[in-house]
Amino acid sequence: MVNRISFSIHETRTVGRITLLVGLMALLSSCYSFRGGSVPEHLRTVSIASVVDNSGFGDATFREFCTETLVARFRNDNSFQLVDDNGDARLTPVITRIQERVQNVQSGDVEGERRIVVAIEVEYVDAVKDRTVWKRTFENFDVYDVNDAANDRPRAVREAIRRIVDDVLLAVVSDW
């Protein structure tokens, strides 16, 4: 009988803990949103400056690709209305670095893959309140096959830029 009573107490405590845990999870999930925040109401428009490339990598197509990707991503998100100039918010992106690193060496000391790292500094300005919200460097990478470097290197840079653009959008719409 003593074992039965201690089992009931243990069972009661376990049920109580599970109930508390489920209740806490429900409470937290109702407070959390995917974006983590929202854009202030006074910011309705955004202007995105053409990307400047200070990386010294020597390929202007990456600058153009980054600008086009940023514009398309913000247009598809619908958090802001895109305008050419004088937006309520302004983004000024600069590619600061595109750098290659050895990723994988195959048997016989032959290089197989390289990692390409892209860093983009972005300044986000609230033009209505005339203040810089943040200025950050976003960095990402992708890996490419050295045997097909002519085709795969540009693909890797573009993929890293796509990831950075996603990070920039998330930072803009959630960091308030």
N, C-alpha and C. Protein backbone atom coordinates (compact mmCIF):
# COMPACT_ATOMS: atom_id res chain seq x y z
N MET A 1 0.82 -1.19 0.00
CA MET A 1 0.00 0.00 0.00
C MET A 1 0.86 1.25 0.00
N VAL A 2 1.97 1.22 0.70
CA VAL A 2 2.87 2.37 0.72
C VAL A 2 3.41 2.62 -0.67
N ASN A 3 3.77 1.55 -1.40
CA ASN A 3 4.26 1.72 -2.76
C ASN A 3 3.20 2.35 -3.66
N ARG A 4 1.96 1.97 -3.47
CA ARG A 4 0.87 2.51 -4.27
C ARG A 4 0.70 4.00 -4.01
N ILE A 5 0.80 4.44 -2.77
CA ILE A 5 0.66 5.85 -2.42
C ILE A 5 1.83 6.65 -2.98
N SER A 6 3.06 6.15 -2.86
CA SER A 6 4.21 6.89 -3.39
C SER A 6 4.14 6.96 -4.91
N PHE A 7 3.62 5.93 -5.54
CA PHE A 7 3.45 5.97 -6.99
C PHE A 7 2.44 7.04 -7.37
N SER A 8 1.37 7.18 -6.62
CA SER A 8 0.35 8.18 -6.89
C SER A 8 0.91 9.59 -6.71
N ILE A 9 1.72 9.79 -5.71
CA ILE A 9 2.34 11.09 -5.50
C ILE A 9 3.30 11.40 -6.66
N HIS A 10 4.10 10.41 -7.05
CA HIS A 10 5.02 10.59 -8.18
C HIS A 10 4.25 10.87 -9.47
N GLU A 11 3.17 10.11 -9.66
CA GLU A 11 2.35 10.29 -10.85
C GLU A 11 1.71 11.68 -10.86
N THR A 12 1.26 12.15 -9.72
CA THR A 12 0.65 13.47 -9.60
C THR A 12 1.67 14.56 -9.92
N ARG A 13 2.87 14.42 -9.40
CA ARG A 13 3.92 15.40 -9.69
C ARG A 13 4.27 15.42 -11.18
N THR A 14 4.35 14.25 -11.80
CA THR A 14 4.67 14.16 -13.22
C THR A 14 3.58 14.82 -14.05
N VAL A 15 2.33 14.54 -13.74
CA VAL A 15 1.21 15.15 -14.47
C VAL A 15 1.24 16.67 -14.28
N GLY A 16 1.52 17.10 -13.07
CA GLY A 16 1.61 18.55 -12.80
C GLY A 16 2.72 19.21 -13.60
N ARG A 17 3.86 18.56 -13.67
CA ARG A 17 4.98 19.11 -14.44
C ARG A 17 4.67 19.16 -15.94
N ILE A 18 4.05 18.11 -16.43
CA ILE A 18 3.67 18.08 -17.85
C ILE A 18 2.66 19.17 -18.15
N THR A 19 1.67 19.34 -17.28
CA THR A 19 0.66 20.39 -17.46
C THR A 19 1.31 21.77 -17.45
N LEU A 20 2.23 21.98 -16.53
CA LEU A 20 2.93 23.25 -16.45
C LEU A 20 3.76 23.49 -17.71
N LEU A 21 4.45 22.46 -18.18
CA LEU A 21 5.27 22.57 -19.37
C LEU A 21 4.41 22.88 -20.61
N VAL A 22 3.31 22.18 -20.77
CA VAL A 22 2.42 22.41 -21.91
C VAL A 22 1.83 23.81 -21.84
N GLY A 23 1.43 24.24 -20.66
CA GLY A 23 0.89 25.59 -20.50
C GLY A 23 1.92 26.67 -20.82
N LEU A 24 3.14 26.45 -20.39
CA LEU A 24 4.23 27.39 -20.68
C LEU A 24 4.52 27.45 -22.17
N MET A 25 4.53 26.29 -22.82
CA MET A 25 4.77 26.25 -24.26
C MET A 25 3.66 26.97 -25.01
N ALA A 26 2.42 26.80 -24.59
CA ALA A 26 1.30 27.47 -25.24
C ALA A 26 1.40 28.98 -25.05
N LEU A 27 1.78 29.41 -23.87
CA LEU A 27 1.93 30.83 -23.60
C LEU A 27 3.05 31.43 -24.45
N LEU A 28 4.19 30.76 -24.50
CA LEU A 28 5.31 31.27 -25.27
C LEU A 28 5.02 31.26 -26.77
N SER A 29 4.34 30.24 -27.25
CA SER A 29 4.06 30.19 -28.68
C SER A 29 3.07 31.28 -29.09
N SER A 30 2.22 31.71 -28.20
CA SER A 30 1.30 32.78 -28.55
C SER A 30 2.00 34.14 -28.58
N CYS A 31 3.13 34.26 -27.90
CA CYS A 31 3.88 35.51 -27.90
C CYS A 31 4.88 35.58 -29.04
N TYR A 32 5.24 34.48 -29.59
CA TYR A 32 6.31 34.43 -30.59
C TYR A 32 5.72 34.49 -31.99
N SER A 33 6.33 35.29 -32.83
CA SER A 33 5.96 35.27 -34.24
C SER A 33 7.21 34.98 -35.04
N PHE A 34 7.05 34.50 -36.27
CA PHE A 34 8.20 34.16 -37.10
C PHE A 34 9.10 35.37 -37.30
N ARG A 35 8.52 36.51 -37.50
CA ARG A 35 9.31 37.71 -37.74
C ARG A 35 9.91 38.26 -36.47
N GLY A 36 9.31 37.96 -35.32
CA GLY A 36 9.88 38.43 -34.08
C GLY A 36 9.54 39.88 -33.77
N GLY A 37 8.93 40.59 -34.64
CA GLY A 37 8.59 41.98 -34.43
C GLY A 37 7.86 42.49 -35.64
N SER A 38 7.71 43.79 -35.68
CA SER A 38 7.07 44.37 -36.85
C SER A 38 7.69 45.72 -37.13
N VAL A 39 7.47 46.20 -38.33
CA VAL A 39 7.98 47.49 -38.75
C VAL A 39 7.12 48.57 -38.10
N PRO A 40 7.72 49.62 -37.57
CA PRO A 40 6.93 50.71 -36.98
C PRO A 40 5.97 51.31 -38.00
N GLU A 41 4.84 51.78 -37.52
CA GLU A 41 3.79 52.29 -38.41
C GLU A 41 4.23 53.50 -39.21
N HIS A 42 5.16 54.28 -38.71
CA HIS A 42 5.57 55.50 -39.43
C HIS A 42 6.49 55.18 -40.62
N LEU A 43 6.93 53.94 -40.74
CA LEU A 43 7.77 53.53 -41.87
C LEU A 43 6.93 52.74 -42.85
N ARG A 44 6.55 53.40 -43.92
CA ARG A 44 5.71 52.73 -44.93
C ARG A 44 6.48 52.44 -46.22
N THR A 45 7.52 53.23 -46.49
CA THR A 45 8.27 53.07 -47.73
C THR A 45 9.74 52.83 -47.42
N VAL A 46 10.42 52.18 -48.35
CA VAL A 46 11.86 51.96 -48.21
C VAL A 46 12.52 52.22 -49.56
N SER A 47 13.67 52.85 -49.51
CA SER A 47 14.48 52.99 -50.71
C SER A 47 15.78 52.23 -50.47
N ILE A 48 16.18 51.49 -51.48
CA ILE A 48 17.39 50.66 -51.39
C ILE A 48 18.40 51.22 -52.38
N ALA A 49 19.52 51.68 -51.85
CA ALA A 49 20.58 52.22 -52.71
C ALA A 49 21.20 51.09 -53.52
N SER A 50 21.72 51.44 -54.69
CA SER A 50 22.47 50.45 -55.48
C SER A 50 23.66 49.98 -54.65
N VAL A 51 23.91 48.71 -54.70
CA VAL A 51 24.99 48.12 -53.92
C VAL A 51 26.33 48.60 -54.47
N VAL A 52 27.20 48.98 -53.56
CA VAL A 52 28.57 49.37 -53.91
C VAL A 52 29.45 48.16 -53.61
N ASP A 53 30.41 47.89 -54.49
CA ASP A 53 31.32 46.76 -54.28
C ASP A 53 32.72 47.27 -53.97
N ASN A 54 33.10 47.20 -52.69
CA ASN A 54 34.43 47.58 -52.25
C ASN A 54 35.29 46.35 -51.94
N SER A 55 34.89 45.19 -52.45
CA SER A 55 35.58 43.95 -52.12
C SER A 55 36.90 43.79 -52.86
N GLY A 56 37.02 44.42 -54.01
CA GLY A 56 38.22 44.24 -54.83
C GLY A 56 38.23 42.91 -55.57
N PHE A 57 37.11 42.20 -55.57
CA PHE A 57 37.04 40.89 -56.22
C PHE A 57 37.00 41.03 -57.74
N GLY A 58 36.48 42.16 -58.21
CA GLY A 58 36.55 42.46 -59.63
C GLY A 58 35.46 41.90 -60.52
N ASP A 59 34.28 41.66 -59.98
CA ASP A 59 33.18 41.18 -60.80
C ASP A 59 31.94 42.02 -60.51
N ALA A 60 31.64 42.94 -61.41
CA ALA A 60 30.51 43.87 -61.22
C ALA A 60 29.16 43.17 -61.22
N THR A 61 29.09 41.97 -61.75
CA THR A 61 27.80 41.27 -61.79
C THR A 61 27.30 40.93 -60.39
N PHE A 62 28.21 40.77 -59.42
CA PHE A 62 27.78 40.46 -58.05
C PHE A 62 27.09 41.67 -57.41
N ARG A 63 27.59 42.85 -57.69
CA ARG A 63 26.99 44.09 -57.19
C ARG A 63 25.57 44.22 -57.74
N GLU A 64 25.44 44.01 -59.04
CA GLU A 64 24.13 44.10 -59.68
C GLU A 64 23.18 43.02 -59.16
N PHE A 65 23.69 41.81 -59.03
CA PHE A 65 22.87 40.71 -58.53
C PHE A 65 22.38 41.01 -57.11
N CYS A 66 23.25 41.54 -56.28
CA CYS A 66 22.88 41.85 -54.90
C CYS A 66 21.78 42.92 -54.86
N THR A 67 21.92 43.97 -55.67
CA THR A 67 20.90 45.01 -55.72
C THR A 67 19.57 44.44 -56.17
N GLU A 68 19.58 43.68 -57.25
CA GLU A 68 18.34 43.10 -57.78
C GLU A 68 17.70 42.14 -56.78
N THR A 69 18.50 41.36 -56.08
CA THR A 69 17.98 40.39 -55.11
C THR A 69 17.37 41.10 -53.91
N LEU A 70 18.03 42.15 -53.43
CA LEU A 70 17.47 42.93 -52.32
C LEU A 70 16.12 43.54 -52.70
N VAL A 71 16.06 44.16 -53.85
CA VAL A 71 14.83 44.81 -54.30
C VAL A 71 13.71 43.77 -54.44
N ALA A 72 14.01 42.65 -55.08
CA ALA A 72 12.99 41.61 -55.28
C ALA A 72 12.52 41.04 -53.94
N ARG A 73 13.44 40.81 -53.03
CA ARG A 73 13.08 40.21 -51.73
C ARG A 73 12.19 41.15 -50.94
N PHE A 74 12.51 42.45 -50.91
CA PHE A 74 11.69 43.42 -50.19
C PHE A 74 10.34 43.61 -50.88
N ARG A 75 10.32 43.58 -52.19
CA ARG A 75 9.06 43.71 -52.92
C ARG A 75 8.14 42.52 -52.60
N ASN A 76 8.69 41.33 -52.59
CA ASN A 76 7.89 40.12 -52.32
C ASN A 76 7.42 40.04 -50.87
N ASP A 77 8.15 40.64 -49.96
CA ASP A 77 7.80 40.57 -48.54
C ASP A 77 6.59 41.45 -48.19
N ASN A 78 6.44 42.57 -48.86
CA ASN A 78 5.32 43.50 -48.64
C ASN A 78 5.29 44.18 -47.28
N SER A 79 6.41 44.20 -46.55
CA SER A 79 6.45 44.95 -45.30
C SER A 79 6.54 46.45 -45.57
N PHE A 80 7.14 46.80 -46.70
CA PHE A 80 7.30 48.18 -47.12
C PHE A 80 6.83 48.31 -48.56
N GLN A 81 6.55 49.55 -48.95
CA GLN A 81 6.38 49.87 -50.36
C GLN A 81 7.74 50.35 -50.84
N LEU A 82 8.23 49.79 -51.94
CA LEU A 82 9.52 50.19 -52.47
C LEU A 82 9.41 51.49 -53.25
N VAL A 83 10.31 52.42 -52.99
CA VAL A 83 10.38 53.68 -53.74
C VAL A 83 11.83 53.88 -54.16
N ASP A 84 12.02 54.63 -55.25
CA ASP A 84 13.37 54.85 -55.76
C ASP A 84 14.21 55.73 -54.83
N ASP A 85 13.62 56.82 -54.36
CA ASP A 85 14.34 57.79 -53.52
C ASP A 85 13.46 58.24 -52.37
N ASN A 86 14.12 58.75 -51.33
CA ASN A 86 13.44 59.39 -50.21
C ASN A 86 12.41 58.51 -49.52
N GLY A 87 12.73 57.24 -49.30
CA GLY A 87 11.85 56.37 -48.55
C GLY A 87 11.83 56.74 -47.07
N ASP A 88 10.78 56.33 -46.38
CA ASP A 88 10.72 56.53 -44.93
C ASP A 88 11.89 55.81 -44.27
N ALA A 89 12.30 54.70 -44.86
CA ALA A 89 13.47 53.96 -44.41
C ALA A 89 14.42 53.84 -45.59
N ARG A 90 15.73 53.80 -45.30
CA ARG A 90 16.72 53.67 -46.37
C ARG A 90 17.72 52.58 -46.00
N LEU A 91 18.06 51.78 -47.02
CA LEU A 91 19.10 50.77 -46.87
C LEU A 91 20.26 51.13 -47.79
N THR A 92 21.47 51.11 -47.24
CA THR A 92 22.67 51.38 -48.02
C THR A 92 23.61 50.19 -47.85
N PRO A 93 23.66 49.29 -48.85
CA PRO A 93 24.51 48.09 -48.76
C PRO A 93 25.85 48.27 -49.49
N VAL A 94 26.89 47.72 -48.90
CA VAL A 94 28.23 47.75 -49.49
C VAL A 94 28.85 46.36 -49.35
N ILE A 95 29.24 45.77 -50.48
CA ILE A 95 29.97 44.50 -50.41
C ILE A 95 31.39 44.84 -49.96
N THR A 96 31.76 44.36 -48.80
CA THR A 96 33.07 44.70 -48.25
C THR A 96 34.11 43.61 -48.49
N ARG A 97 33.63 42.38 -48.71
CA ARG A 97 34.61 41.30 -48.88
C ARG A 97 34.00 40.13 -49.63
N ILE A 98 34.76 39.61 -50.58
CA ILE A 98 34.50 38.32 -51.20
C ILE A 98 35.84 37.61 -51.16
N GLN A 99 35.89 36.53 -50.40
CA GLN A 99 37.17 35.90 -50.12
C GLN A 99 37.06 34.38 -50.27
N GLU A 100 38.08 33.79 -50.87
CA GLU A 100 38.10 32.34 -51.06
C GLU A 100 39.02 31.71 -50.02
N ARG A 101 38.63 30.52 -49.58
CA ARG A 101 39.43 29.74 -48.63
C ARG A 101 39.39 28.29 -49.05
N VAL A 102 40.46 27.57 -48.77
CA VAL A 102 40.49 26.14 -49.05
C VAL A 102 39.48 25.47 -48.14
N GLN A 103 38.64 24.62 -48.71
CA GLN A 103 37.60 23.93 -47.95
C GLN A 103 37.94 22.46 -47.75
N ASN A 104 38.38 21.80 -48.82
CA ASN A 104 38.55 20.36 -48.76
C ASN A 104 39.73 19.96 -49.64
N VAL A 105 40.65 19.20 -49.05
CA VAL A 105 41.79 18.68 -49.80
C VAL A 105 41.59 17.19 -49.97
N GLN A 106 41.67 16.74 -51.23
CA GLN A 106 41.49 15.33 -51.53
C GLN A 106 42.81 14.58 -51.33
N SER A 107 42.76 13.27 -51.47
CA SER A 107 43.97 12.48 -51.33
C SER A 107 45.00 12.93 -52.35
N GLY A 108 46.25 12.89 -51.97
CA GLY A 108 47.33 13.34 -52.84
C GLY A 108 47.50 14.85 -52.79
N ASP A 109 46.97 15.50 -51.75
CA ASP A 109 47.09 16.95 -51.56
C ASP A 109 46.52 17.76 -52.71
N VAL A 110 45.46 17.27 -53.33
CA VAL A 110 44.79 17.98 -54.41
C VAL A 110 43.57 18.69 -53.82
N GLU A 111 43.49 19.97 -54.09
CA GLU A 111 42.38 20.76 -53.58
C GLU A 111 41.10 20.38 -54.33
N GLY A 112 40.03 20.08 -53.57
CA GLY A 112 38.78 19.66 -54.19
C GLY A 112 37.70 20.71 -54.15
N GLU A 113 37.58 21.39 -53.01
CA GLU A 113 36.53 22.39 -52.85
C GLU A 113 37.11 23.66 -52.22
N ARG A 114 36.46 24.75 -52.51
CA ARG A 114 36.80 26.02 -51.88
C ARG A 114 35.54 26.63 -51.29
N ARG A 115 35.76 27.34 -50.22
CA ARG A 115 34.69 28.10 -49.57
C ARG A 115 34.85 29.54 -50.00
N ILE A 116 33.75 30.14 -50.41
CA ILE A 116 33.78 31.56 -50.76
C ILE A 116 32.92 32.30 -49.75
N VAL A 117 33.51 33.30 -49.11
CA VAL A 117 32.85 34.06 -48.04
C VAL A 117 32.53 35.45 -48.57
N VAL A 118 31.29 35.88 -48.36
CA VAL A 118 30.84 37.20 -48.79
C VAL A 118 30.42 37.98 -47.55
N ALA A 119 30.86 39.23 -47.45
CA ALA A 119 30.46 40.11 -46.35
C ALA A 119 29.87 41.38 -46.95
N ILE A 120 28.70 41.75 -46.45
CA ILE A 120 28.01 42.96 -46.92
C ILE A 120 27.66 43.81 -45.70
N GLU A 121 28.13 45.05 -45.70
CA GLU A 121 27.79 45.98 -44.64
C GLU A 121 26.55 46.75 -45.08
N VAL A 122 25.57 46.82 -44.19
CA VAL A 122 24.31 47.49 -44.51
C VAL A 122 24.01 48.52 -43.42
N GLU A 123 23.68 49.72 -43.87
CA GLU A 123 23.22 50.75 -42.95
C GLU A 123 21.72 50.90 -43.15
N TYR A 124 20.98 50.83 -42.06
CA TYR A 124 19.52 50.94 -42.07
C TYR A 124 19.15 52.22 -41.35
N VAL A 125 18.53 53.15 -42.08
CA VAL A 125 18.22 54.48 -41.55
C VAL A 125 16.71 54.69 -41.51
N ASP A 126 16.23 55.18 -40.39
CA ASP A 126 14.84 55.65 -40.25
C ASP A 126 14.88 57.13 -40.64
N ALA A 127 14.48 57.45 -41.88
CA ALA A 127 14.56 58.82 -42.38
C ALA A 127 13.50 59.72 -41.75
N VAL A 128 12.41 59.15 -41.28
CA VAL A 128 11.36 59.96 -40.65
C VAL A 128 11.87 60.54 -39.33
N LYS A 129 12.53 59.73 -38.54
CA LYS A 129 13.08 60.18 -37.25
C LYS A 129 14.54 60.61 -37.36
N ASP A 130 15.07 60.55 -38.57
CA ASP A 130 16.44 60.98 -38.86
C ASP A 130 17.46 60.31 -37.92
N ARG A 131 17.42 58.98 -37.92
CA ARG A 131 18.37 58.24 -37.08
C ARG A 131 18.77 56.93 -37.75
N THR A 132 19.98 56.50 -37.48
CA THR A 132 20.44 55.20 -37.95
C THR A 132 19.90 54.14 -37.00
N VAL A 133 19.14 53.21 -37.54
CA VAL A 133 18.59 52.13 -36.73
C VAL A 133 19.70 51.14 -36.39
N TRP A 134 20.47 50.74 -37.41
CA TRP A 134 21.65 49.91 -37.20
C TRP A 134 22.55 49.96 -38.42
N LYS A 135 23.78 49.60 -38.18
CA LYS A 135 24.76 49.43 -39.24
C LYS A 135 25.49 48.14 -38.89
N ARG A 136 25.33 47.13 -39.77
CA ARG A 136 25.86 45.79 -39.48
C ARG A 136 26.55 45.21 -40.70
N THR A 137 27.44 44.28 -40.42
CA THR A 137 28.04 43.50 -41.49
C THR A 137 27.43 42.10 -41.44
N PHE A 138 26.85 41.70 -42.54
CA PHE A 138 26.26 40.37 -42.68
C PHE A 138 27.24 39.53 -43.49
N GLU A 139 27.46 38.31 -43.04
CA GLU A 139 28.42 37.43 -43.70
C GLU A 139 27.81 36.06 -43.91
N ASN A 140 28.11 35.48 -45.07
CA ASN A 140 27.68 34.12 -45.34
C ASN A 140 28.64 33.51 -46.35
N PHE A 141 28.47 32.21 -46.61
CA PHE A 141 29.41 31.52 -47.49
C PHE A 141 28.70 30.44 -48.28
N ASP A 142 29.39 29.92 -49.26
CA ASP A 142 28.98 28.72 -49.96
C ASP A 142 30.25 28.01 -50.42
N VAL A 143 30.12 26.78 -50.80
CA VAL A 143 31.26 25.96 -51.22
C VAL A 143 31.11 25.65 -52.70
N TYR A 144 32.23 25.65 -53.41
CA TYR A 144 32.19 25.30 -54.83
C TYR A 144 33.28 24.31 -55.17
N ASP A 145 33.07 23.58 -56.25
CA ASP A 145 34.00 22.56 -56.74
C ASP A 145 35.09 23.23 -57.56
N VAL A 146 36.33 23.01 -57.18
CA VAL A 146 37.47 23.63 -57.86
C VAL A 146 37.57 23.15 -59.31
N ASN A 147 37.16 21.92 -59.57
CA ASN A 147 37.25 21.37 -60.94
C ASN A 147 36.33 22.09 -61.92
N ASP A 148 35.30 22.76 -61.41
CA ASP A 148 34.39 23.51 -62.28
C ASP A 148 34.29 24.95 -61.77
N ALA A 149 35.42 25.52 -61.40
CA ALA A 149 35.45 26.83 -60.76
C ALA A 149 34.85 27.93 -61.62
N ALA A 150 35.06 27.89 -62.92
CA ALA A 150 34.54 28.96 -63.78
C ALA A 150 33.03 29.09 -63.69
N ASN A 151 32.32 27.98 -63.55
CA ASN A 151 30.87 28.01 -63.44
C ASN A 151 30.39 28.02 -61.99
N ASP A 152 31.08 27.27 -61.15
CA ASP A 152 30.59 27.04 -59.79
C ASP A 152 30.93 28.19 -58.84
N ARG A 153 32.04 28.89 -59.05
CA ARG A 153 32.40 30.03 -58.19
C ARG A 153 31.32 31.11 -58.22
N PRO A 154 30.89 31.59 -59.40
CA PRO A 154 29.84 32.61 -59.40
C PRO A 154 28.53 32.13 -58.77
N ARG A 155 28.19 30.87 -58.96
CA ARG A 155 26.99 30.31 -58.33
C ARG A 155 27.11 30.37 -56.81
N ALA A 156 28.30 30.04 -56.29
CA ALA A 156 28.52 30.06 -54.85
C ALA A 156 28.42 31.48 -54.29
N VAL A 157 28.96 32.45 -54.99
CA VAL A 157 28.86 33.84 -54.54
C VAL A 157 27.40 34.27 -54.52
N ARG A 158 26.66 33.97 -55.57
CA ARG A 158 25.24 34.34 -55.62
C ARG A 158 24.44 33.68 -54.50
N GLU A 159 24.76 32.43 -54.20
CA GLU A 159 24.05 31.74 -53.11
C GLU A 159 24.34 32.40 -51.77
N ALA A 160 25.58 32.77 -51.53
CA ALA A 160 25.93 33.47 -50.29
C ALA A 160 25.20 34.81 -50.21
N ILE A 161 25.12 35.52 -51.34
CA ILE A 161 24.40 36.80 -51.38
C ILE A 161 22.92 36.59 -51.08
N ARG A 162 22.30 35.56 -51.65
CA ARG A 162 20.88 35.27 -51.37
C ARG A 162 20.64 35.08 -49.88
N ARG A 163 21.53 34.35 -49.23
CA ARG A 163 21.39 34.11 -47.79
C ARG A 163 21.54 35.41 -47.00
N ILE A 164 22.48 36.23 -47.42
CA ILE A 164 22.68 37.51 -46.74
C ILE A 164 21.45 38.40 -46.91
N VAL A 165 20.89 38.44 -48.10
CA VAL A 165 19.69 39.25 -48.36
C VAL A 165 18.55 38.79 -47.44
N ASP A 166 18.38 37.49 -47.28
CA ASP A 166 17.36 36.98 -46.35
C ASP A 166 17.63 37.47 -44.92
N ASP A 167 18.90 37.46 -44.52
CA ASP A 167 19.27 37.93 -43.18
C ASP A 167 19.00 39.42 -43.02
N VAL A 168 19.28 40.20 -44.06
CA VAL A 168 19.03 41.64 -44.02
C VAL A 168 17.54 41.91 -43.87
N LEU A 169 16.72 41.26 -44.68
CA LEU A 169 15.28 41.45 -44.59
C LEU A 169 14.78 41.09 -43.19
N LEU A 170 15.20 39.98 -42.67
CA LEU A 170 14.79 39.57 -41.33
C LEU A 170 15.21 40.59 -40.28
N ALA A 171 16.42 41.12 -40.40
CA ALA A 171 16.88 42.12 -39.44
C ALA A 171 16.06 43.41 -39.54
N VAL A 172 15.71 43.80 -40.75
CA VAL A 172 14.94 45.03 -40.93
C VAL A 172 13.53 44.89 -40.35
N VAL A 173 12.87 43.79 -40.59
CA VAL A 173 11.48 43.67 -40.14
C VAL A 173 11.33 43.15 -38.72
N SER A 174 12.41 42.73 -38.08
CA SER A 174 12.24 42.14 -36.75
C SER A 174 13.01 42.84 -35.65
N ASP A 175 13.88 43.75 -35.94
CA ASP A 175 14.73 44.34 -34.89
C ASP A 175 14.18 45.59 -34.25
N TRP A 176 12.89 45.68 -34.07
CA TRP A 176 12.33 46.87 -33.46
C TRP A 176 12.00 46.63 -32.01
